[in-house]
């Protein structure tokens, strides 16, 4: 996945993601907004054929890159747990 850094300051990070990856943005922004150090987290989709989805993150007291890494790890853990639960239930159904 090619992620392009559009803006990077001490408290602001703006990234462009490849087209077709916007489904990641909804849970990511929800989890970012729940973080104490996040002042603002939002995404912009723009025109579906011309623009790339953009993530905007503003923080206070912590670098936005650190917050984003932590939240992405948490999001990965949530989906890993969901996959493991699904596999267990699917195995019971097969038996």
Protein backbone atom coordinates (compact mmCIF):
# COMPACT_ATOMS: atom_id res chain seq x y z
CA UNK A 1 0.00 0.00 0.00
CA UNK A 2 1.50 3.29 -1.08
CA UNK A 3 0.87 6.01 1.51
CA UNK A 4 1.98 9.52 0.65
CA UNK A 5 2.83 12.06 3.36
CA UNK A 6 1.32 15.37 2.26
CA UNK A 7 1.91 17.41 5.41
CA UNK A 8 4.04 16.70 8.47
CA UNK A 9 4.52 19.12 11.34
CA UNK A 10 5.14 18.61 15.06
CA UNK A 11 1.40 18.22 15.75
CA UNK A 12 -0.18 17.64 12.31
CA UNK A 13 -0.02 14.74 9.88
CA UNK A 14 -1.86 14.50 6.58
CA UNK A 15 -1.61 11.33 4.50
CA UNK A 16 -2.96 10.26 1.12
CA UNK A 17 -3.93 6.62 0.73
CA UNK A 18 -4.40 4.67 -2.51
CA UNK A 19 -7.86 4.68 -4.05
CA UNK A 20 -9.92 1.74 -2.87
CA UNK A 21 -8.50 1.86 0.67
CA UNK A 22 -11.10 4.21 2.10
CA UNK A 23 -12.88 1.43 4.05
CA UNK A 24 -9.93 1.49 6.46
CA UNK A 25 -10.54 5.15 7.24
CA UNK A 26 -13.88 4.82 9.05
CA UNK A 27 -12.72 2.56 11.93
CA UNK A 28 -9.31 4.24 12.00
CA UNK A 29 -10.76 7.74 12.45
CA UNK A 30 -13.23 6.47 15.08
CA UNK A 31 -10.39 4.97 17.12
CA UNK A 32 -8.23 8.07 16.64
CA UNK A 33 -11.04 10.33 17.86
CA UNK A 34 -11.27 8.24 21.05
CA UNK A 35 -7.60 8.95 21.87
CA UNK A 36 -6.94 11.54 24.58
CA UNK A 37 -4.02 13.15 22.71
CA UNK A 38 -5.99 13.67 19.48
CA UNK A 39 -7.37 17.15 18.87
CA UNK A 40 -8.79 16.36 15.43
CA UNK A 41 -9.01 13.29 13.23
CA UNK A 42 -10.94 13.23 9.98
CA UNK A 43 -10.83 11.92 6.47
CA UNK A 44 -11.70 13.35 3.09
CA UNK A 45 -12.64 11.20 0.11
CA UNK A 46 -12.97 13.87 -2.58
CA UNK A 47 -13.85 12.88 -6.13
CA UNK A 48 -13.76 9.09 -6.56
CA UNK A 49 -11.84 9.22 -9.85
CA UNK A 50 -9.63 12.25 -9.33
CA UNK A 51 -8.70 12.42 -5.64
CA UNK A 52 -7.00 10.01 -3.28
CA UNK A 53 -8.54 9.46 0.19
CA UNK A 54 -6.83 11.71 2.74
CA UNK A 55 -6.38 11.28 6.50
CA UNK A 56 -5.86 14.40 8.64
CA UNK A 57 -4.59 14.03 12.21
CA UNK A 58 -3.83 16.79 14.74
CA UNK A 59 -2.54 15.97 18.22
CA UNK A 60 -1.46 17.68 21.43
CA UNK A 61 1.46 16.55 23.56
CA UNK A 62 2.45 13.62 21.34
CA UNK A 63 3.66 13.28 17.78
CA UNK A 64 0.84 12.32 15.39
CA UNK A 65 2.98 9.54 13.93
CA UNK A 66 3.24 7.88 17.36
CA UNK A 67 -0.51 8.13 17.95
CA UNK A 68 -1.25 6.75 14.48
CA UNK A 69 1.13 3.80 14.96
CA UNK A 70 -0.44 2.95 18.33
CA UNK A 71 -3.99 3.13 16.98
CA UNK A 72 -3.10 1.09 13.89
CA UNK A 73 -1.63 -1.59 16.16
CA UNK A 74 -4.80 -1.57 18.28
CA UNK A 75 -6.95 -1.79 15.15
CA UNK A 76 -4.86 -4.69 13.89
CA UNK A 77 -5.34 -6.48 17.23
CA UNK A 78 -9.12 -5.95 17.08
CA UNK A 79 -9.36 -7.47 13.60
CA UNK A 80 -6.98 -10.32 14.50
CA UNK A 81 -9.19 -11.17 17.47
CA UNK A 82 -12.29 -11.01 15.27
CA UNK A 83 -10.66 -13.35 12.75
CA UNK A 84 -9.66 -15.81 15.47
CA UNK A 85 -13.19 -15.80 16.89
CA UNK A 86 -14.66 -16.34 13.44
CA UNK A 87 -12.29 -19.25 12.77
CA UNK A 88 -13.26 -20.93 16.06
CA UNK A 89 -16.99 -20.59 15.35
CA UNK A 90 -16.56 -21.76 11.76
CA UNK A 91 -14.66 -24.82 12.99
CA UNK A 92 -17.52 -25.68 15.38
CA UNK A 93 -20.04 -25.44 12.54
CA UNK A 94 -17.95 -27.78 10.35
CA UNK A 95 -17.78 -30.38 13.13
